[in-house]
Structures are given as C-alpha cells and as structure tokens.
Amino acid sequence: MDRLSRLLRAAAIACTLAILVLSLLPAQDLRRTGAPHGVEHAAAYLGTCFIYLLALRPRRPAMYLLPFLFLCALAAVMEFAQQFIPGRGAHVSDFAMSALGALLGLLAYRLAGWISPRPAHE
C-alpha cells in the first residue's frame, strides 16, 4: 500500500470518528457552523463517502455501494443513539440528509472518475 492510500484510509477513519464524536456530544457541547442543520449532515457524510471511495478505489460496480451503505447504517445508529443523549433526539430528517450526503459523495466520486479517468495501465 502506498503512502497516499494510507493517508486516504486514515482520513476516512478520522472522518468517521469525527461523525461519531459530534453525533454523540450533548447538545450544550455542540458548536454549530451557522449552516442549516441538514446541510451540516449532508456535508459531513458527502465528504466522508467521497474520501472512503478515494481510499478504497473500487474496481467493481457493486463495491461502490459499500461506503454508501456503511454510512447509511452509521447515520441510522447515530440517530438512534441520540435519543439517549441529553438535549439530542432521533430525527428521520437528519437521517435522510445524512444518507443524501453519502449518496451525493458517491455521485461526486463517479463524476470525478468520468471527468478524470484512470490511466490505461491500471
């Protein structure tokens, strides 16, 4: 595994850990960006999905779905867990925005691949 692959995998794990920590903080400890709440969810999951795909570099079409499905499951678990966190709650709309963000990350990765295809020797 080359240095870039290791860096991208570490970044994907760091993004996942950031989602975990921010999702499980009590409401009074959260600092908001000023962006709409749904946009925060979508942006976090879009970036994380995109980085996972860069790290994994899937070659088979079905493999593109793994980061998306993982992040959808993570979003569902985080929303469920938030009902037990002071000042937080589980919201279907938050899950939907997180899943939409992961889907947009997948689409952005695919679009980037079409714009800048891999060299023929890979």
N, C-alpha and C. Protein backbone atom coordinates (compact mmCIF):
# COMPACT_ATOMS: atom_id res chain seq x y z
N MET A 1 0.85 -1.17 0.00
CA MET A 1 0.00 0.00 0.00
C MET A 1 0.90 1.24 0.00
N ASP A 2 0.63 2.17 -0.90
CA ASP A 2 1.47 3.35 -1.00
C ASP A 2 1.06 4.40 0.05
N ARG A 3 1.85 5.44 0.13
CA ARG A 3 1.66 6.48 1.14
C ARG A 3 0.30 7.18 0.98
N LEU A 4 -0.09 7.48 -0.25
CA LEU A 4 -1.37 8.15 -0.49
C LEU A 4 -2.54 7.28 -0.03
N SER A 5 -2.47 5.99 -0.31
CA SER A 5 -3.54 5.08 0.12
C SER A 5 -3.65 5.04 1.64
N ARG A 6 -2.52 5.00 2.31
CA ARG A 6 -2.54 5.00 3.78
C ARG A 6 -3.12 6.31 4.32
N LEU A 7 -2.73 7.41 3.70
CA LEU A 7 -3.23 8.71 4.13
C LEU A 7 -4.74 8.82 3.92
N LEU A 8 -5.22 8.35 2.77
CA LEU A 8 -6.66 8.41 2.50
C LEU A 8 -7.45 7.51 3.44
N ARG A 9 -6.91 6.34 3.75
CA ARG A 9 -7.60 5.46 4.70
C ARG A 9 -7.63 6.07 6.09
N ALA A 10 -6.54 6.70 6.49
CA ALA A 10 -6.51 7.38 7.79
C ALA A 10 -7.52 8.54 7.80
N ALA A 11 -7.61 9.26 6.69
CA ALA A 11 -8.57 10.37 6.60
C ALA A 11 -10.01 9.85 6.69
N ALA A 12 -10.29 8.73 6.04
CA ALA A 12 -11.64 8.15 6.09
C ALA A 12 -11.99 7.75 7.52
N ILE A 13 -11.04 7.15 8.21
CA ILE A 13 -11.28 6.75 9.61
C ILE A 13 -11.46 7.99 10.48
N ALA A 14 -10.65 9.02 10.24
CA ALA A 14 -10.76 10.27 11.01
C ALA A 14 -12.13 10.92 10.79
N CYS A 15 -12.61 10.91 9.56
CA CYS A 15 -13.95 11.46 9.28
C CYS A 15 -15.02 10.68 10.02
N THR A 16 -14.90 9.37 10.02
CA THR A 16 -15.88 8.53 10.72
C THR A 16 -15.85 8.81 12.22
N LEU A 17 -14.66 8.93 12.78
CA LEU A 17 -14.54 9.24 14.21
C LEU A 17 -15.12 10.61 14.52
N ALA A 18 -14.92 11.58 13.63
CA ALA A 18 -15.49 12.91 13.84
C ALA A 18 -17.01 12.85 13.84
N ILE A 19 -17.59 12.08 12.92
CA ILE A 19 -19.05 11.91 12.90
C ILE A 19 -19.52 11.27 14.20
N LEU A 20 -18.81 10.25 14.66
CA LEU A 20 -19.18 9.58 15.91
C LEU A 20 -19.16 10.55 17.09
N VAL A 21 -18.08 11.28 17.23
CA VAL A 21 -17.93 12.20 18.36
C VAL A 21 -18.98 13.30 18.30
N LEU A 22 -19.12 13.94 17.14
CA LEU A 22 -20.07 15.04 17.02
C LEU A 22 -21.51 14.58 17.19
N SER A 23 -21.80 13.37 16.76
CA SER A 23 -23.16 12.84 16.89
C SER A 23 -23.51 12.49 18.32
N LEU A 24 -22.51 12.18 19.13
CA LEU A 24 -22.78 11.71 20.49
C LEU A 24 -22.54 12.77 21.56
N LEU A 25 -22.16 13.97 21.16
CA LEU A 25 -21.98 15.05 22.13
C LEU A 25 -23.34 15.52 22.64
N PRO A 26 -23.42 15.87 23.92
CA PRO A 26 -24.65 16.50 24.41
C PRO A 26 -24.89 17.84 23.69
N ALA A 27 -26.13 18.24 23.58
CA ALA A 27 -26.49 19.44 22.81
C ALA A 27 -25.73 20.68 23.28
N GLN A 28 -25.54 20.83 24.59
CA GLN A 28 -24.88 22.04 25.09
C GLN A 28 -23.40 22.10 24.72
N ASP A 29 -22.80 20.99 24.34
CA ASP A 29 -21.39 20.97 23.97
C ASP A 29 -21.16 21.17 22.47
N LEU A 30 -22.22 21.19 21.69
CA LEU A 30 -22.08 21.32 20.24
C LEU A 30 -21.84 22.78 19.84
N ARG A 31 -21.02 22.97 18.84
CA ARG A 31 -20.82 24.28 18.23
C ARG A 31 -21.27 24.14 16.78
N ARG A 32 -22.24 24.93 16.38
CA ARG A 32 -22.78 24.84 15.02
C ARG A 32 -21.99 25.73 14.07
N THR A 33 -22.06 25.38 12.78
CA THR A 33 -21.32 26.12 11.76
C THR A 33 -22.05 27.37 11.30
N GLY A 34 -23.34 27.44 11.55
CA GLY A 34 -24.15 28.53 11.03
C GLY A 34 -24.91 28.11 9.78
N ALA A 35 -24.50 27.01 9.18
CA ALA A 35 -25.22 26.46 8.02
C ALA A 35 -26.48 25.77 8.53
N PRO A 36 -27.49 25.63 7.66
CA PRO A 36 -28.67 24.88 8.08
C PRO A 36 -28.28 23.48 8.57
N HIS A 37 -29.04 23.01 9.56
CA HIS A 37 -28.74 21.73 10.21
C HIS A 37 -28.61 20.58 9.20
N GLY A 38 -29.53 20.50 8.26
CA GLY A 38 -29.50 19.43 7.26
C GLY A 38 -28.27 19.52 6.37
N VAL A 39 -27.84 20.74 6.08
CA VAL A 39 -26.64 20.93 5.26
C VAL A 39 -25.41 20.42 6.00
N GLU A 40 -25.36 20.63 7.31
CA GLU A 40 -24.24 20.10 8.10
C GLU A 40 -24.18 18.58 7.98
N HIS A 41 -25.33 17.94 8.12
CA HIS A 41 -25.38 16.47 7.99
C HIS A 41 -24.92 16.03 6.61
N ALA A 42 -25.51 16.63 5.58
CA ALA A 42 -25.20 16.22 4.20
C ALA A 42 -23.72 16.44 3.89
N ALA A 43 -23.17 17.57 4.30
CA ALA A 43 -21.76 17.87 4.01
C ALA A 43 -20.82 16.87 4.69
N ALA A 44 -21.11 16.54 5.94
CA ALA A 44 -20.25 15.60 6.67
C ALA A 44 -20.24 14.23 5.99
N TYR A 45 -21.40 13.75 5.61
CA TYR A 45 -21.49 12.42 5.01
C TYR A 45 -21.04 12.43 3.55
N LEU A 46 -21.24 13.53 2.83
CA LEU A 46 -20.75 13.63 1.45
C LEU A 46 -19.23 13.52 1.45
N GLY A 47 -18.58 14.34 2.25
CA GLY A 47 -17.11 14.31 2.30
C GLY A 47 -16.56 12.98 2.75
N THR A 48 -17.20 12.39 3.75
CA THR A 48 -16.74 11.10 4.27
C THR A 48 -16.87 10.01 3.22
N CYS A 49 -18.00 9.96 2.53
CA CYS A 49 -18.19 8.94 1.49
C CYS A 49 -17.18 9.12 0.37
N PHE A 50 -16.96 10.37 -0.05
CA PHE A 50 -16.01 10.65 -1.12
C PHE A 50 -14.61 10.18 -0.72
N ILE A 51 -14.21 10.47 0.50
CA ILE A 51 -12.87 10.06 0.96
C ILE A 51 -12.76 8.54 1.07
N TYR A 52 -13.82 7.88 1.56
CA TYR A 52 -13.80 6.41 1.59
C TYR A 52 -13.60 5.85 0.19
N LEU A 53 -14.30 6.40 -0.78
CA LEU A 53 -14.18 5.89 -2.15
C LEU A 53 -12.79 6.15 -2.72
N LEU A 54 -12.22 7.32 -2.42
CA LEU A 54 -10.84 7.58 -2.86
C LEU A 54 -9.88 6.57 -2.23
N ALA A 55 -10.12 6.24 -0.97
CA ALA A 55 -9.24 5.30 -0.26
C ALA A 55 -9.39 3.88 -0.78
N LEU A 56 -10.62 3.47 -1.07
CA LEU A 56 -10.87 2.09 -1.48
C LEU A 56 -10.64 1.85 -2.97
N ARG A 57 -10.82 2.88 -3.78
CA ARG A 57 -10.66 2.78 -5.24
C ARG A 57 -11.34 1.52 -5.79
N PRO A 58 -12.66 1.42 -5.63
CA PRO A 58 -13.36 0.20 -6.06
C PRO A 58 -13.23 -0.03 -7.56
N ARG A 59 -13.13 -1.29 -7.94
CA ARG A 59 -13.00 -1.65 -9.35
C ARG A 59 -14.28 -2.29 -9.88
N ARG A 60 -15.07 -2.89 -9.00
CA ARG A 60 -16.33 -3.50 -9.43
C ARG A 60 -17.48 -2.58 -9.02
N PRO A 61 -18.50 -2.48 -9.87
CA PRO A 61 -19.61 -1.57 -9.58
C PRO A 61 -20.26 -1.78 -8.21
N ALA A 62 -20.44 -3.01 -7.79
CA ALA A 62 -21.09 -3.27 -6.50
C ALA A 62 -20.27 -2.72 -5.34
N MET A 63 -18.96 -2.64 -5.50
CA MET A 63 -18.10 -2.16 -4.42
C MET A 63 -18.29 -0.67 -4.14
N TYR A 64 -18.84 0.07 -5.12
CA TYR A 64 -19.10 1.49 -4.90
C TYR A 64 -20.16 1.69 -3.81
N LEU A 65 -21.01 0.70 -3.63
CA LEU A 65 -22.10 0.83 -2.66
C LEU A 65 -21.65 0.62 -1.22
N LEU A 66 -20.52 -0.04 -1.00
CA LEU A 66 -20.11 -0.35 0.37
C LEU A 66 -19.97 0.88 1.27
N PRO A 67 -19.23 1.92 0.86
CA PRO A 67 -19.14 3.09 1.74
C PRO A 67 -20.51 3.76 1.93
N PHE A 68 -21.30 3.82 0.87
CA PHE A 68 -22.63 4.41 0.98
C PHE A 68 -23.49 3.65 2.00
N LEU A 69 -23.52 2.33 1.88
CA LEU A 69 -24.33 1.53 2.79
C LEU A 69 -23.80 1.61 4.23
N PHE A 70 -22.48 1.58 4.37
CA PHE A 70 -21.88 1.71 5.70
C PHE A 70 -22.28 3.03 6.34
N LEU A 71 -22.21 4.12 5.57
CA LEU A 71 -22.53 5.43 6.13
C LEU A 71 -24.02 5.58 6.41
N CYS A 72 -24.87 4.96 5.60
CA CYS A 72 -26.31 4.97 5.90
C CYS A 72 -26.58 4.23 7.21
N ALA A 73 -25.91 3.10 7.40
CA ALA A 73 -26.07 2.35 8.65
C ALA A 73 -25.54 3.17 9.83
N LEU A 74 -24.41 3.83 9.64
CA LEU A 74 -23.85 4.68 10.70
C LEU A 74 -24.82 5.79 11.05
N ALA A 75 -25.41 6.43 10.04
CA ALA A 75 -26.37 7.52 10.29
C ALA A 75 -27.57 7.01 11.08
N ALA A 76 -28.05 5.83 10.73
CA ALA A 76 -29.20 5.26 11.46
C ALA A 76 -28.84 4.97 12.91
N VAL A 77 -27.68 4.39 13.13
CA VAL A 77 -27.24 4.08 14.50
C VAL A 77 -27.03 5.37 15.30
N MET A 78 -26.44 6.39 14.68
CA MET A 78 -26.22 7.65 15.38
C MET A 78 -27.54 8.31 15.75
N GLU A 79 -28.50 8.30 14.84
CA GLU A 79 -29.81 8.89 15.15
C GLU A 79 -30.48 8.14 16.29
N PHE A 80 -30.40 6.82 16.27
CA PHE A 80 -30.97 6.03 17.36
C PHE A 80 -30.29 6.38 18.68
N ALA A 81 -28.97 6.44 18.67
CA ALA A 81 -28.21 6.71 19.90
C ALA A 81 -28.50 8.10 20.45
N GLN A 82 -28.80 9.05 19.58
CA GLN A 82 -29.01 10.42 20.04
C GLN A 82 -30.23 10.58 20.94
N GLN A 83 -31.15 9.64 20.88
CA GLN A 83 -32.32 9.77 21.76
C GLN A 83 -31.94 9.56 23.23
N PHE A 84 -30.75 9.03 23.47
CA PHE A 84 -30.28 8.80 24.84
C PHE A 84 -29.27 9.86 25.30
N ILE A 85 -29.01 10.86 24.45
CA ILE A 85 -28.04 11.91 24.76
C ILE A 85 -28.81 13.15 25.22
N PRO A 86 -28.40 13.77 26.33
CA PRO A 86 -29.11 14.96 26.83
C PRO A 86 -29.19 16.07 25.77
N GLY A 87 -30.42 16.54 25.55
CA GLY A 87 -30.64 17.63 24.61
C GLY A 87 -30.67 17.22 23.15
N ARG A 88 -30.48 15.96 22.86
CA ARG A 88 -30.48 15.48 21.48
C ARG A 88 -31.72 14.64 21.25
N GLY A 89 -31.97 14.29 20.01
CA GLY A 89 -33.11 13.45 19.68
C GLY A 89 -32.90 12.77 18.35
N ALA A 90 -33.64 11.72 18.12
CA ALA A 90 -33.58 11.00 16.85
C ALA A 90 -34.56 11.64 15.88
N HIS A 91 -34.08 11.98 14.68
CA HIS A 91 -34.92 12.63 13.67
C HIS A 91 -34.73 11.95 12.32
N VAL A 92 -35.84 11.55 11.74
CA VAL A 92 -35.79 10.92 10.41
C VAL A 92 -35.20 11.89 9.40
N SER A 93 -35.50 13.17 9.53
CA SER A 93 -34.98 14.16 8.58
C SER A 93 -33.45 14.24 8.64
N ASP A 94 -32.88 14.10 9.83
CA ASP A 94 -31.41 14.10 9.95
C ASP A 94 -30.82 12.87 9.27
N PHE A 95 -31.46 11.72 9.49
CA PHE A 95 -31.00 10.51 8.81
C PHE A 95 -31.08 10.69 7.30
N ALA A 96 -32.19 11.24 6.82
CA ALA A 96 -32.37 11.43 5.38
C ALA A 96 -31.30 12.35 4.80
N MET A 97 -30.98 13.42 5.50
CA MET A 97 -29.94 14.34 5.00
C MET A 97 -28.56 13.69 5.03
N SER A 98 -28.30 12.88 6.03
CA SER A 98 -27.02 12.16 6.09
C SER A 98 -26.91 11.17 4.94
N ALA A 99 -27.98 10.41 4.71
CA ALA A 99 -27.99 9.44 3.60
C ALA A 99 -27.88 10.15 2.26
N LEU A 100 -28.57 11.29 2.12
CA LEU A 100 -28.46 12.07 0.88
C LEU A 100 -27.02 12.54 0.68
N GLY A 101 -26.38 12.99 1.75
CA GLY A 101 -24.99 13.41 1.65
C GLY A 101 -24.09 12.27 1.20
N ALA A 102 -24.28 11.08 1.76
CA ALA A 102 -23.48 9.92 1.35
C ALA A 102 -23.72 9.60 -0.12
N LEU A 103 -24.98 9.68 -0.55
CA LEU A 103 -25.30 9.43 -1.96
C LEU A 103 -24.63 10.47 -2.86
N LEU A 104 -24.66 11.72 -2.45
CA LEU A 104 -24.01 12.77 -3.24
C LEU A 104 -22.49 12.57 -3.28
N GLY A 105 -21.91 12.07 -2.20
CA GLY A 105 -20.48 11.74 -2.20
C GLY A 105 -20.17 10.65 -3.20
N LEU A 106 -21.02 9.64 -3.26
CA LEU A 106 -20.87 8.56 -4.24
C LEU A 106 -20.98 9.10 -5.66
N LEU A 107 -21.99 9.93 -5.90
CA LEU A 107 -22.17 10.51 -7.24
C LEU A 107 -21.01 11.43 -7.61
N ALA A 108 -20.52 12.21 -6.65
CA ALA A 108 -19.38 13.09 -6.92
C ALA A 108 -18.14 12.29 -7.29
N TYR A 109 -17.93 11.18 -6.60
CA TYR A 109 -16.78 10.32 -6.91
C TYR A 109 -16.90 9.75 -8.32
N ARG A 110 -18.09 9.29 -8.66
CA ARG A 110 -18.30 8.73 -10.00
C ARG A 110 -18.11 9.81 -11.06
N LEU A 111 -18.64 11.00 -10.80
CA LEU A 111 -18.49 12.10 -11.75
C LEU A 111 -17.02 12.47 -11.91
N ALA A 112 -16.28 12.51 -10.81
CA ALA A 112 -14.85 12.81 -10.88
C ALA A 112 -14.12 11.75 -11.71
N GLY A 113 -14.55 10.50 -11.61
CA GLY A 113 -13.94 9.43 -12.40
C GLY A 113 -14.21 9.58 -13.88
N TRP A 114 -15.39 10.07 -14.22
CA TRP A 114 -15.71 10.28 -15.63
C TRP A 114 -14.94 11.47 -16.20
N ILE A 115 -14.75 12.49 -15.38
CA ILE A 115 -14.03 13.67 -15.84
C ILE A 115 -12.55 13.38 -15.96
N SER A 116 -12.01 12.64 -15.01
CA SER A 116 -10.58 12.34 -14.98
C SER A 116 -10.39 10.83 -14.84
N PRO A 117 -10.52 10.09 -15.94
CA PRO A 117 -10.41 8.63 -15.85
C PRO A 117 -9.01 8.18 -15.44
N ARG A 118 -8.95 6.95 -14.91
CA ARG A 118 -7.66 6.36 -14.53
C ARG A 118 -6.82 6.10 -15.76
N PRO A 119 -5.51 6.12 -15.58
CA PRO A 119 -4.63 5.76 -16.70
C PRO A 119 -4.92 4.33 -17.18
N ALA A 120 -4.65 4.06 -18.44
CA ALA A 120 -4.97 2.76 -19.05
C ALA A 120 -4.21 1.61 -18.41
N HIS A 121 -3.02 1.84 -17.85
CA HIS A 121 -2.21 0.74 -17.30
C HIS A 121 -2.75 0.22 -15.97
N GLU A 122 -3.72 0.90 -15.32
CA GLU A 122 -4.25 0.41 -14.04
C GLU A 122 -5.25 -0.68 -14.24
